Amino acid sequence: MTTTTATSVNELERLKVLHNGEKQQLTFSDAEFERRLSGLRRIMAEKDLDAVILTSYQGIKYYSDFLFTYFGRSYGMVVTADDTCTISANIDAGMPWRTSYGENIVYTDWQRDNYYYALQQALAQRGVTSPKRLGIEDDTVPQLIRQRLQDAFPGAELVDVSQAAMRQRMIKSVEEIAVIRESARIGDIGGEAIRDAVHAGVREYEVALAGTEAMTREIAQAFPHREVRDTWVWFQSGINTDGAHNWATSRQVQEHDILSLNAFPMPTGYYTALERTLFFGEPDAESLRLWTINVEVHRAGIELIRPGAVCKDIAHALNEIYIGHGLLPNRTFGYGHSFGVLSHYYGREAGLELREDVDTVLEPGMVVSVEPMITVPEGQPGAGGYREHDILVVGEDGAEDITTFPFGPEHNIISA
């Protein structure tokens, strides 16, 4: 760990190497990180790049295992033909080095643009002194940051690698699928805790806390070598079920309420989800009809997930069921998406969504959700949002549903 004898801020170093403590056990094996980096280096070779500068949560996490906390400071990862280095802020001290694959450089706050200076030095130390073509992630680089990157490397052409890297992330390894399976198991535990916490008068946020606490404790048991962070629950009742991403409120659960259970475990940055429609007390006839239709769509979607299926074809087929019931206008979003390094504030493998404008063909190793949702506005019979959510691993001959929490009226009507 570096030390300094400076007597003024102006004498403090711009960069540090903080090997504080020992490297911690990572989520994946060294061989897995080398597999990922080899894939990125193939992209570099195809695009004739001297190096890649990663700046996104998902990019840095995927290739190094380090998941940063932004808080107004930039982070990065440099990848060259034969080496890697993460770039982190001094406020995090030695943690980024301890929790990442490869080397790390720390930049300080004492001079403006030290982050860009760190990128320059990281490349120069790896023999890339005057890059001609640099890969960056255009999908998460704002114009201001892009211009500063360009100013830091004035002779370089900045080339987007985000789409190619996303396609690489869409195919999961055996190690990744193992983490996703465990995360899905933990999501089911959260679902049980949420369902058990429902009673008359309970506030949404109290139910959400019960699910979050159950999953957090299970994650700490299952992944003791990684940070415990970012797990959350969206639990909604009544009118608050109309949107899939509505946060918990202080609303109290009432008899005959429609409920939405949404558990999101986040072990080591790998998001999964469990989402279920429930009712507190018997639903009325129209609510039961709508719920049953959405379950029909959900079952059909699960059956359609298989290698060789095309995302847009799945979406069109499920649309036909809603059309037959006159409910297509009530559909809320796409029918599913990919899993991996993902959260509500970072990541998204947009090339693997079950939508009408996505022509990706499902392949073994892909992991996708099936999650149909319809919303009926307040004041109409059966008002509320209905959705179910399962996670499927695509194999050679079909797909395995790794979500075990039951769905449908026969399982999820809670006695008032």
Protein backbone atom coordinates (compact mmCIF):
# COMPACT_ATOMS: atom_id res chain seq x y z
CA MET A 1 0.00 0.00 0.00
CA THR A 2 1.49 3.35 -1.00
CA THR A 3 2.21 6.12 1.50
CA THR A 4 3.05 9.78 1.06
CA THR A 5 5.19 12.38 2.84
CA ALA A 6 3.65 15.35 1.04
CA THR A 7 3.23 18.57 3.02
CA SER A 8 0.63 20.16 0.73
CA VAL A 9 -2.20 19.08 -1.55
CA ASN A 10 -0.16 20.11 -4.58
CA GLU A 11 2.48 17.54 -3.66
CA LEU A 12 0.07 14.63 -3.31
CA GLU A 13 0.31 11.95 -5.97
CA ARG A 14 -2.26 11.83 -8.78
CA LEU A 15 -2.32 8.02 -8.86
CA LYS A 16 -1.84 5.25 -6.32
CA VAL A 17 -1.46 1.49 -6.25
CA LEU A 18 -3.34 0.29 -3.18
CA HIS A 19 -2.70 -3.40 -2.63
CA ASN A 20 -4.27 -3.23 0.80
CA GLY A 21 -4.79 -6.70 2.23
CA GLU A 22 -5.11 -9.79 0.05
CA LYS A 23 -7.12 -10.59 -3.06
CA GLN A 24 -10.53 -11.97 -2.12
CA GLN A 25 -12.27 -14.99 -3.59
CA LEU A 26 -14.07 -13.89 -6.73
CA THR A 27 -17.46 -14.98 -7.98
CA PHE A 28 -15.94 -16.99 -10.83
CA SER A 29 -12.74 -18.88 -11.56
CA ASP A 30 -9.71 -17.35 -13.23
CA ALA A 31 -10.46 -19.54 -16.24
CA GLU A 32 -13.92 -17.99 -16.50
CA PHE A 33 -12.54 -14.45 -16.51
CA GLU A 34 -9.95 -15.43 -19.10
CA ARG A 35 -12.74 -16.91 -21.23
CA ARG A 36 -14.62 -13.63 -21.07
CA LEU A 37 -11.55 -11.54 -21.82
CA SER A 38 -10.67 -13.80 -24.75
CA GLY A 39 -14.09 -13.04 -26.18
CA LEU A 40 -13.54 -9.32 -25.78
CA ARG A 41 -10.11 -9.61 -27.40
CA ARG A 42 -11.71 -11.34 -30.39
CA ILE A 43 -13.98 -8.31 -30.68
CA MET A 44 -10.89 -6.09 -30.48
CA ALA A 45 -9.21 -8.04 -33.27
CA GLU A 46 -12.32 -7.88 -35.47
CA LYS A 47 -12.54 -4.13 -35.01
CA ASP A 48 -8.76 -3.57 -35.21
CA LEU A 49 -8.63 -1.93 -31.78
CA ASP A 50 -5.50 -1.13 -29.80
CA ALA A 51 -7.40 -1.35 -26.51
CA VAL A 52 -10.84 -1.09 -24.93
CA ILE A 53 -11.89 1.32 -22.19
CA LEU A 54 -14.92 -0.03 -20.33
CA THR A 55 -16.97 2.46 -18.30
CA SER A 56 -20.32 0.76 -17.59
CA TYR A 57 -21.35 -1.15 -14.48
CA GLN A 58 -22.09 -4.24 -16.53
CA GLY A 59 -18.91 -4.08 -18.61
CA ILE A 60 -16.52 -3.64 -15.69
CA LYS A 61 -18.35 -6.22 -13.56
CA TYR A 62 -18.49 -8.81 -16.33
CA TYR A 63 -14.81 -8.66 -17.18
CA SER A 64 -13.31 -8.00 -13.72
CA ASP A 65 -15.94 -8.88 -11.05
CA PHE A 66 -15.65 -5.36 -9.59
CA LEU A 67 -19.02 -3.64 -9.15
CA PHE A 68 -18.43 0.03 -8.44
CA THR A 69 -20.50 2.67 -6.67
CA TYR A 70 -20.64 5.78 -8.82
CA PHE A 71 -21.43 8.59 -6.35
CA GLY A 72 -20.19 11.26 -8.77
CA ARG A 73 -16.83 9.67 -9.61
CA SER A 74 -16.00 7.81 -12.80
CA TYR A 75 -14.70 4.26 -12.97
CA GLY A 76 -13.14 2.30 -15.78
CA MET A 77 -11.35 -0.78 -16.97
CA VAL A 78 -8.61 -0.92 -19.57
CA VAL A 79 -8.23 -4.08 -21.63
CA THR A 80 -5.29 -4.54 -23.99
CA ALA A 81 -4.19 -7.53 -26.05
CA ASP A 82 -2.51 -9.15 -23.06
CA ASP A 83 -3.43 -7.30 -19.85
CA THR A 84 -6.20 -5.61 -17.87
CA CYS A 85 -6.48 -2.90 -15.24
CA THR A 86 -9.44 -1.39 -13.39
CA ILE A 87 -9.49 2.34 -12.59
CA SER A 88 -11.08 3.39 -9.31
CA ALA A 89 -11.40 6.43 -7.07
CA ASN A 90 -9.31 6.92 -3.94
CA ILE A 91 -12.47 7.04 -1.83
CA ASP A 92 -12.75 3.23 -2.26
CA ALA A 93 -9.15 2.63 -1.16
CA GLY A 94 -8.02 -0.99 -1.67
CA MET A 95 -11.43 -2.61 -2.05
CA PRO A 96 -11.54 -2.46 -5.89
CA TRP A 97 -8.20 -4.26 -6.13
CA ARG A 98 -9.20 -6.87 -3.54
CA THR A 99 -12.48 -7.65 -5.31
CA SER A 100 -11.39 -7.66 -8.95
CA TYR A 101 -9.57 -9.82 -11.43
CA GLY A 102 -6.33 -8.19 -12.55
CA GLU A 103 -4.50 -5.01 -11.64
CA ASN A 104 -5.97 -1.76 -10.34
CA ILE A 105 -4.95 1.91 -10.43
CA VAL A 106 -6.42 4.43 -7.99
CA TYR A 107 -6.82 8.09 -8.91
CA THR A 108 -7.06 10.89 -6.35
CA ASP A 109 -9.15 14.05 -6.16
CA TRP A 110 -6.20 16.43 -5.84
CA GLN A 111 -6.12 17.48 -9.50
CA ARG A 112 -8.87 17.86 -12.07
CA ASP A 113 -9.23 15.07 -14.65
CA ASN A 114 -7.08 12.60 -12.74
CA TYR A 115 -9.46 9.89 -13.95
CA TYR A 116 -8.48 10.52 -17.56
CA TYR A 117 -4.84 10.76 -16.55
CA ALA A 118 -5.21 7.32 -14.94
CA LEU A 119 -6.63 5.90 -18.18
CA GLN A 120 -3.70 7.37 -20.11
CA GLN A 121 -1.17 5.90 -17.68
CA ALA A 122 -2.88 2.51 -17.56
CA LEU A 123 -2.63 2.23 -21.32
CA ALA A 124 0.93 3.57 -21.48
CA GLN A 125 2.09 1.10 -18.82
CA ARG A 126 0.73 -1.65 -21.07
CA GLY A 127 2.54 -0.46 -24.15
CA VAL A 128 -0.35 1.50 -25.73
CA THR A 129 1.13 4.98 -25.87
CA SER A 130 -0.47 6.42 -28.99
CA PRO A 131 -3.64 4.44 -29.67
CA LYS A 132 -5.21 4.83 -33.10
CA ARG A 133 -8.48 2.99 -32.38
CA LEU A 134 -10.00 2.66 -28.90
CA GLY A 135 -13.10 0.70 -28.06
CA ILE A 136 -15.67 2.36 -25.77
CA GLU A 137 -19.23 1.60 -24.66
CA ASP A 138 -21.33 4.11 -26.55
CA ASP A 139 -24.58 2.89 -25.00
CA THR A 140 -23.57 4.23 -21.58
CA VAL A 141 -21.13 7.04 -22.42
CA PRO A 142 -22.76 10.51 -22.32
CA GLN A 143 -21.58 13.06 -24.85
CA LEU A 144 -19.62 15.01 -22.22
CA ILE A 145 -17.66 11.92 -21.13
CA ARG A 146 -17.10 10.91 -24.74
CA GLN A 147 -15.61 14.30 -25.49
CA ARG A 148 -13.31 14.08 -22.48
CA LEU A 149 -12.19 10.64 -23.58
CA GLN A 150 -11.49 12.05 -27.01
CA ASP A 151 -9.52 14.94 -25.48
CA ALA A 152 -7.48 12.45 -23.43
CA PHE A 153 -6.66 10.45 -26.58
CA PRO A 154 -6.72 13.06 -29.36
CA GLY A 155 -5.21 10.79 -31.99
CA ALA A 156 -7.59 7.92 -31.44
CA GLU A 157 -10.81 7.01 -33.19
CA LEU A 158 -13.39 5.97 -30.59
CA VAL A 159 -15.21 2.83 -31.72
CA ASP A 160 -18.31 1.37 -30.09
CA VAL A 161 -17.97 -2.14 -28.62
CA SER A 162 -21.11 -2.12 -26.48
CA GLN A 163 -23.31 -4.09 -28.88
CA ALA A 164 -20.71 -6.75 -29.57
CA ALA A 165 -19.94 -7.09 -25.86
CA MET A 166 -23.66 -7.38 -25.12
CA ARG A 167 -23.97 -10.23 -27.60
CA GLN A 168 -21.09 -11.99 -25.84
CA ARG A 169 -22.84 -11.62 -22.46
CA MET A 170 -26.07 -13.10 -23.84
CA ILE A 171 -24.57 -16.62 -23.87
CA LYS A 172 -23.97 -17.72 -20.28
CA SER A 173 -21.25 -20.08 -19.15
CA VAL A 174 -21.77 -23.03 -16.83
CA GLU A 175 -20.42 -20.93 -13.95
CA GLU A 176 -22.76 -18.05 -14.70
CA ILE A 177 -25.79 -20.30 -14.94
CA ALA A 178 -24.88 -21.79 -11.55
CA VAL A 179 -25.00 -18.31 -9.98
CA ILE A 180 -28.30 -17.52 -11.74
CA ARG A 181 -29.81 -20.79 -10.47
CA GLU A 182 -28.79 -19.97 -6.92
CA SER A 183 -30.16 -16.46 -7.26
CA ALA A 184 -33.49 -17.81 -8.54
CA ARG A 185 -33.63 -20.16 -5.54
CA ILE A 186 -33.09 -17.21 -3.23
CA GLY A 187 -35.82 -15.28 -5.04
CA ASP A 188 -38.27 -18.07 -4.22
CA ILE A 189 -37.30 -17.74 -0.54
CA GLY A 190 -38.04 -14.04 -0.75
CA GLY A 191 -41.40 -14.81 -2.28
CA GLU A 192 -42.34 -17.06 0.62
CA ALA A 193 -41.36 -14.36 3.11
CA ILE A 194 -43.41 -11.78 1.24
CA ARG A 195 -46.50 -13.98 1.09
CA ASP A 196 -46.17 -14.84 4.79
CA ALA A 197 -45.96 -11.14 5.72
CA VAL A 198 -49.30 -10.19 4.13
CA HIS A 199 -52.17 -9.46 6.49
CA ALA A 200 -54.93 -6.91 6.81
CA GLY A 201 -53.59 -3.43 7.43
CA VAL A 202 -49.93 -4.20 6.77
CA ARG A 203 -48.14 -1.47 4.83
CA GLU A 204 -46.49 -2.25 1.52
CA TYR A 205 -43.02 -1.28 2.69
CA GLU A 206 -43.24 -3.63 5.69
CA VAL A 207 -43.97 -6.55 3.38
CA ALA A 208 -41.12 -5.45 1.12
CA LEU A 209 -38.73 -5.35 4.09
CA ALA A 210 -39.64 -8.92 5.06
CA GLY A 211 -38.75 -10.21 1.60
CA THR A 212 -35.57 -8.16 1.35
CA GLU A 213 -34.33 -9.32 4.74
CA ALA A 214 -34.98 -12.99 3.97
CA MET A 215 -33.11 -12.83 0.66
CA THR A 216 -30.23 -10.75 2.03
CA ARG A 217 -29.58 -13.26 4.80
CA GLU A 218 -29.70 -16.16 2.36
CA ILE A 219 -27.30 -14.40 -0.03
CA ALA A 220 -24.85 -13.84 2.83
CA GLN A 221 -24.95 -17.58 3.54
CA ALA A 222 -24.65 -18.66 -0.08
CA PHE A 223 -22.04 -16.10 -1.20
CA PRO A 224 -20.01 -15.32 1.95
CA HIS A 225 -16.98 -14.20 -0.05
CA ARG A 226 -18.74 -11.36 -1.92
CA GLU A 227 -20.34 -8.05 -0.96
CA VAL A 228 -23.91 -8.05 0.33
CA ARG A 229 -25.69 -5.33 -1.63
CA ASP A 230 -28.53 -4.16 -3.86
CA THR A 231 -31.20 -6.80 -3.15
CA TRP A 232 -34.68 -5.30 -3.06
CA VAL A 233 -38.44 -5.94 -3.25
CA TRP A 234 -41.25 -4.14 -5.04
CA PHE A 235 -44.48 -5.07 -3.29
CA GLN A 236 -47.60 -3.34 -4.56
CA SER A 237 -51.28 -3.44 -3.64
CA GLY A 238 -54.47 -2.13 -5.21
CA ILE A 239 -53.95 0.74 -7.63
CA ASN A 240 -50.18 0.56 -7.07
CA THR A 241 -50.05 -2.71 -9.03
CA ASP A 242 -50.68 -0.85 -12.31
CA GLY A 243 -46.95 -0.51 -13.12
CA ALA A 244 -44.30 -3.19 -12.96
CA HIS A 245 -41.67 -0.86 -11.50
CA ASN A 246 -43.69 0.91 -8.81
CA TRP A 247 -41.85 1.12 -5.51
CA ALA A 248 -43.45 0.15 -2.21
CA THR A 249 -45.47 2.82 -0.44
CA SER A 250 -47.17 3.26 2.93
CA ARG A 251 -50.49 2.02 1.55
CA GLN A 252 -52.17 -0.58 3.79
CA VAL A 253 -53.33 -3.90 2.37
CA GLN A 254 -57.12 -4.27 2.37
CA GLU A 255 -59.42 -7.25 1.90
CA HIS A 256 -59.95 -8.19 -1.78
CA ASP A 257 -56.84 -6.24 -2.85
CA ILE A 258 -54.90 -7.39 -5.88
CA LEU A 259 -51.23 -7.72 -4.90
CA SER A 260 -47.97 -7.84 -6.84
CA LEU A 261 -45.07 -9.78 -5.37
CA ASN A 262 -41.71 -8.81 -6.88
CA ALA A 263 -38.54 -10.23 -5.30
CA PHE A 264 -35.15 -9.23 -6.71
CA PRO A 265 -32.15 -11.00 -5.19
CA MET A 266 -28.81 -9.58 -6.27
CA PRO A 267 -25.98 -11.93 -5.30
CA THR A 268 -22.70 -10.56 -6.62
CA GLY A 269 -24.42 -8.28 -9.14
CA TYR A 270 -26.39 -11.08 -10.81
CA TYR A 271 -30.04 -10.08 -10.79
CA THR A 272 -32.90 -12.52 -10.92
CA ALA A 273 -36.60 -11.92 -10.32
CA LEU A 274 -39.68 -13.60 -8.97
CA GLU A 275 -42.96 -11.85 -9.82
CA ARG A 276 -46.42 -13.08 -8.96
CA THR A 277 -50.01 -11.86 -8.85
CA LEU A 278 -51.77 -12.55 -5.55
CA PHE A 279 -55.09 -11.58 -3.98
CA PHE A 280 -55.78 -10.89 -0.33
CA GLY A 281 -59.17 -12.53 0.01
CA GLU A 282 -61.25 -13.95 -2.80
CA PRO A 283 -61.06 -12.00 -6.10
CA ASP A 284 -64.24 -10.95 -7.83
CA ALA A 285 -65.34 -12.76 -10.99
CA GLU A 286 -63.78 -10.30 -13.46
CA SER A 287 -60.48 -10.18 -11.59
CA LEU A 288 -60.37 -13.97 -11.60
CA ARG A 289 -61.09 -14.05 -15.34
CA LEU A 290 -58.30 -11.57 -16.12
CA TRP A 291 -55.85 -13.36 -13.86
CA THR A 292 -56.65 -16.69 -15.50
CA ILE A 293 -56.08 -15.23 -18.97
CA ASN A 294 -52.71 -13.82 -17.98
CA VAL A 295 -51.73 -17.20 -16.54
CA GLU A 296 -52.73 -18.76 -19.88
CA VAL A 297 -50.36 -16.39 -21.68
CA HIS A 298 -47.64 -17.13 -19.14
CA ARG A 299 -47.92 -20.90 -19.60
CA ALA A 300 -47.87 -20.49 -23.37
CA GLY A 301 -44.74 -18.35 -23.17
CA ILE A 302 -42.94 -20.95 -21.07
CA GLU A 303 -43.77 -23.60 -23.67
CA LEU A 304 -42.41 -21.42 -26.50
CA ILE A 305 -38.94 -21.00 -25.00
CA ARG A 306 -36.63 -23.40 -26.83
CA PRO A 307 -33.48 -23.29 -28.97
CA GLY A 308 -34.20 -22.00 -32.44
CA ALA A 309 -37.20 -19.90 -31.42
CA VAL A 310 -37.10 -16.26 -32.50
CA CYS A 311 -37.84 -13.53 -29.94
CA LYS A 312 -40.24 -11.62 -32.16
CA ASP A 313 -42.13 -14.78 -33.11
CA ILE A 314 -42.72 -15.58 -29.45
CA ALA A 315 -44.07 -12.07 -28.91
CA HIS A 316 -46.43 -12.30 -31.88
CA ALA A 317 -47.74 -15.71 -30.75
CA LEU A 318 -48.51 -14.43 -27.25
CA ASN A 319 -50.15 -11.34 -28.69
CA GLU A 320 -52.66 -13.60 -30.42
CA ILE A 321 -53.89 -14.93 -27.08
CA TYR A 322 -54.49 -11.42 -25.77
CA ILE A 323 -56.18 -10.47 -29.05
CA GLY A 324 -58.55 -13.40 -28.68
CA HIS A 325 -59.64 -12.06 -25.31
CA GLY A 326 -59.73 -8.41 -26.40
CA LEU A 327 -56.88 -7.53 -24.03
CA LEU A 328 -53.97 -6.59 -26.30
CA PRO A 329 -54.40 -2.85 -25.52
CA ASN A 330 -53.93 -3.72 -21.83
CA ARG A 331 -50.51 -5.26 -22.40
CA THR A 332 -47.86 -3.28 -20.54
CA PHE A 333 -44.37 -4.22 -21.87
CA GLY A 334 -42.38 -6.95 -23.62
CA TYR A 335 -42.78 -10.60 -22.70
CA GLY A 336 -39.34 -11.23 -21.20
CA HIS A 337 -35.63 -10.45 -21.22
CA SER A 338 -32.15 -11.81 -20.63
CA PHE A 339 -30.46 -12.27 -17.26
CA GLY A 340 -26.92 -11.75 -16.01
CA VAL A 341 -25.18 -8.60 -14.81
CA LEU A 342 -28.34 -6.56 -14.46
CA SER A 343 -30.14 -4.23 -12.07
CA HIS A 344 -32.70 -1.45 -12.09
CA TYR A 345 -29.84 1.04 -12.36
CA TYR A 346 -27.42 -0.75 -14.64
CA GLY A 347 -27.22 -3.32 -17.37
CA ARG A 348 -29.59 -4.64 -20.00
CA GLU A 349 -29.01 -7.13 -22.77
CA ALA A 350 -31.50 -5.46 -25.08
CA GLY A 351 -30.69 -7.84 -27.91
CA LEU A 352 -32.40 -10.64 -26.00
CA GLU A 353 -35.88 -9.33 -25.21
CA LEU A 354 -39.13 -11.03 -26.19
CA ARG A 355 -40.45 -8.13 -28.26
CA GLU A 356 -41.79 -7.68 -31.76
CA ASP A 357 -38.71 -5.72 -32.88
CA VAL A 358 -36.08 -8.26 -31.73
CA ASP A 359 -35.07 -10.98 -34.20
CA THR A 360 -32.55 -12.79 -31.97
CA VAL A 361 -32.69 -16.59 -32.21
CA LEU A 362 -32.62 -18.39 -28.87
CA GLU A 363 -29.51 -20.52 -28.33
CA PRO A 364 -28.31 -22.94 -25.65
CA GLY A 365 -26.77 -20.98 -22.81
CA MET A 366 -29.20 -18.10 -23.00
CA VAL A 367 -31.27 -17.33 -19.89
CA VAL A 368 -34.57 -15.51 -20.37
CA SER A 369 -37.71 -14.64 -18.47
CA VAL A 370 -41.32 -15.08 -19.45
CA GLU A 371 -43.28 -12.25 -17.83
CA PRO A 372 -46.59 -11.22 -19.42
CA MET A 373 -48.45 -8.31 -17.85
CA ILE A 374 -51.76 -6.57 -18.42
CA THR A 375 -53.15 -3.53 -16.59
CA VAL A 376 -56.80 -2.59 -16.18
CA PRO A 377 -57.30 1.07 -15.14
CA GLU A 378 -58.83 2.06 -11.83
CA GLY A 379 -62.60 2.28 -11.92
CA GLN A 380 -63.04 -0.58 -14.37
CA PRO A 381 -64.04 -4.12 -13.38
CA GLY A 382 -60.98 -6.15 -12.39
CA ALA A 383 -58.80 -3.04 -12.01
CA GLY A 384 -55.12 -3.66 -11.34
CA GLY A 385 -51.95 -5.06 -12.84
CA TYR A 386 -51.58 -8.80 -13.46
CA ARG A 387 -48.19 -10.36 -14.08
CA GLU A 388 -46.23 -13.56 -13.60
CA HIS A 389 -42.50 -14.15 -14.07
CA ASP A 390 -40.41 -17.31 -14.50
CA ILE A 391 -36.75 -17.73 -15.50
CA LEU A 392 -35.77 -20.31 -18.10
CA VAL A 393 -32.36 -21.67 -19.07
CA VAL A 394 -32.21 -22.59 -22.75
CA GLY A 395 -30.58 -25.96 -23.36
CA GLU A 396 -29.80 -28.13 -26.36
CA ASP A 397 -33.26 -29.68 -26.62
CA GLY A 398 -35.58 -27.33 -24.74
CA ALA A 399 -35.59 -25.03 -21.73
CA GLU A 400 -35.57 -25.55 -17.97
CA ASP A 401 -37.75 -23.41 -15.74
CA ILE A 402 -35.65 -22.65 -12.65
CA THR A 403 -38.41 -20.73 -10.83
CA THR A 404 -40.30 -22.96 -8.41
CA PHE A 405 -42.68 -20.54 -6.65
CA PRO A 406 -46.20 -21.51 -7.82
CA PHE A 407 -48.41 -19.16 -9.81
CA GLY A 408 -52.11 -18.77 -10.47
CA PRO A 409 -55.37 -18.56 -8.50
CA GLU A 410 -55.09 -22.10 -7.12
CA HIS A 411 -51.93 -21.10 -5.21
CA ASN A 412 -51.87 -17.37 -4.56
CA ILE A 413 -55.12 -16.34 -2.94
CA ILE A 414 -54.25 -15.39 0.64
CA SER A 415 -56.97 -15.83 3.20
CA ALA A 416 -58.14 -12.52 4.66
